[in-house]
Each structure stands twice: as C-alpha cells, then as structure tokens.
Amino acid sequence: LAQRPRHPEALHLLGILCAQTGRVDEGIDHLRQAVALKTYFVEALGNLGAALVARGQDPIEAEDVLRRARRVRIAMSGALDSLNVAVAAALALHEARRATLA
C-alpha cells in the first residue's frame, strides 16, 4: 500500500485483517475503499457485508451490501457461462477447420 495506496486487493486484505483483529471500523473503511476502486469485487463486497454484520450498527446497510455481492456473483457467473460457450464454439470451429485441412 505504501507504493500503491489505491490497490483494491491490498485494501481488501487489510480490511479483513483489521476486522478479524477487532478493528472492525477500520476494516470496514478499507473494504469500502476496495469496493469503491473495484465495484464488482465480489469477495470484498462479501467481506464488507460480514464486517457490517459483525459491527451490528446498521443491519439494513449490511443486508444491502450482501445482496449486492450476491447480484454481482450471479452476474459474473452468467458472464463466465457466456464466455465458456463462446470458447467452446471457437474451439469447435477451429477443430472443424483443422479437420477439413487434414
């Protein structure tokens, strides 16, 4: 973080460390920064939601963050499914072309 203070993965890990060692508010701050820098960072969203639950001050915000994490995970899953279909189609086309050349 000293070299790259806006590194989402480092902020995420620092946020987890802080939350797990009793510095929950500080952890939440770092996790919020990670999510702000990388809006579809599903792991950071999930850990932010967990830290908000642990803090226990705003259950509505915690629920909103956890629902957002679930929506992102579902969206990413759909994108990966589409990518897998595209890769499979491209490989099938490649194999078909290679077979006609043989």
Protein backbone atom coordinates (compact mmCIF):
# COMPACT_ATOMS: atom_id res chain seq x y z
CA LEU A 1 0.00 0.00 0.00
CA ALA A 2 2.94 2.33 0.52
CA GLN A 3 3.76 2.07 -3.20
CA ARG A 4 0.16 1.74 -4.45
CA PRO A 5 -2.27 3.15 -1.88
CA ARG A 6 -5.22 2.56 -4.20
CA HIS A 7 -4.65 -1.18 -4.70
CA PRO A 8 -8.07 -2.83 -4.24
CA GLU A 9 -6.76 -6.30 -3.42
CA ALA A 10 -4.34 -4.97 -0.79
CA LEU A 11 -7.07 -2.79 0.74
CA HIS A 12 -9.37 -5.81 0.80
CA LEU A 13 -6.83 -7.96 2.63
CA LEU A 14 -6.01 -5.16 5.07
CA GLY A 15 -9.72 -4.71 5.70
CA ILE A 16 -10.12 -8.41 6.52
CA LEU A 17 -7.08 -8.31 8.82
CA CYS A 18 -8.38 -5.26 10.67
CA ALA A 19 -11.88 -6.69 11.05
CA GLN A 20 -10.56 -10.03 12.30
CA THR A 21 -8.31 -8.39 14.89
CA GLY A 22 -11.04 -6.29 16.47
CA ARG A 23 -10.54 -3.10 14.47
CA VAL A 24 -13.87 -3.53 12.68
CA ASP A 25 -14.48 0.13 11.84
CA GLU A 26 -11.02 0.45 10.31
CA GLY A 27 -11.58 -2.79 8.41
CA ILE A 28 -14.88 -1.50 7.07
CA ASP A 29 -13.16 1.67 5.86
CA HIS A 30 -10.55 -0.34 3.95
CA LEU A 31 -13.17 -2.69 2.50
CA ARG A 32 -15.28 0.28 1.36
CA GLN A 33 -12.21 1.73 -0.38
CA ALA A 34 -11.55 -1.59 -2.13
CA VAL A 35 -15.14 -1.77 -3.37
CA ALA A 36 -15.06 1.87 -4.48
CA LEU A 37 -11.99 1.14 -6.60
CA LYS A 38 -13.26 -2.16 -7.98
CA THR A 39 -17.06 -2.09 -7.96
CA TYR A 40 -17.51 -5.73 -8.98
CA PHE A 41 -15.07 -7.08 -6.36
CA VAL A 42 -17.41 -9.76 -5.04
CA GLU A 43 -15.05 -11.02 -2.32
CA ALA A 44 -14.61 -7.51 -0.92
CA LEU A 45 -18.37 -6.95 -1.04
CA GLY A 46 -18.98 -10.18 0.86
CA ASN A 47 -16.36 -9.34 3.48
CA LEU A 48 -17.69 -5.80 3.80
CA GLY A 49 -21.16 -7.22 4.42
CA ALA A 50 -19.77 -9.64 7.00
CA ALA A 51 -17.89 -6.82 8.78
CA LEU A 52 -21.02 -4.68 8.81
CA VAL A 53 -22.95 -7.59 10.33
CA ALA A 54 -20.19 -8.05 12.93
CA ARG A 55 -20.34 -4.38 13.84
CA GLY A 56 -24.10 -4.66 14.25
CA GLN A 57 -24.88 -0.97 13.89
CA ASP A 58 -26.71 -0.90 10.57
CA PRO A 59 -28.32 -4.21 9.60
CA ILE A 60 -30.06 -2.62 6.60
CA GLU A 61 -26.75 -1.49 5.10
CA ALA A 62 -25.23 -4.91 5.79
CA GLU A 63 -28.14 -6.61 4.03
CA ASP A 64 -27.88 -4.22 1.06
CA VAL A 65 -24.15 -4.93 0.67
CA LEU A 66 -24.65 -8.69 0.92
CA ARG A 67 -27.48 -8.57 -1.64
CA ARG A 68 -25.20 -6.56 -3.95
CA ALA A 69 -22.48 -9.19 -3.51
CA ARG A 70 -24.95 -11.89 -4.49
CA ARG A 71 -26.12 -9.94 -7.56
CA VAL A 72 -22.51 -9.40 -8.67
CA ARG A 73 -21.69 -13.09 -8.15
CA ILE A 74 -24.73 -14.11 -10.24
CA ALA A 75 -23.85 -11.60 -12.97
CA MET A 76 -20.25 -12.80 -13.06
CA SER A 77 -21.44 -16.39 -13.21
CA GLY A 78 -23.60 -15.56 -16.22
CA ALA A 79 -20.72 -13.78 -17.92
CA LEU A 80 -18.47 -16.79 -17.36
CA ASP A 81 -21.14 -19.10 -18.76
CA SER A 82 -21.33 -16.94 -21.90
CA LEU A 83 -17.55 -16.91 -22.18
CA ASN A 84 -17.42 -20.69 -21.84
CA VAL A 85 -20.00 -21.07 -24.63
CA ALA A 86 -18.03 -18.70 -26.87
CA VAL A 87 -14.75 -20.53 -26.20
CA ALA A 88 -16.38 -23.91 -26.86
CA ALA A 89 -17.83 -22.62 -30.15
CA ALA A 90 -14.47 -21.19 -31.21
CA LEU A 91 -12.70 -24.45 -30.40
CA ALA A 92 -15.30 -26.45 -32.32
CA LEU A 93 -14.87 -24.15 -35.33
CA HIS A 94 -11.08 -24.44 -35.09
CA GLU A 95 -11.25 -28.25 -34.92
CA ALA A 96 -13.65 -28.36 -37.86
CA ARG A 97 -11.36 -26.18 -39.98
CA ARG A 98 -8.36 -28.26 -39.00
CA ALA A 99 -10.21 -31.46 -39.93
CA THR A 100 -11.02 -30.09 -43.41
CA LEU A 101 -7.37 -29.24 -43.97
CA ALA A 102 -6.17 -32.71 -43.00
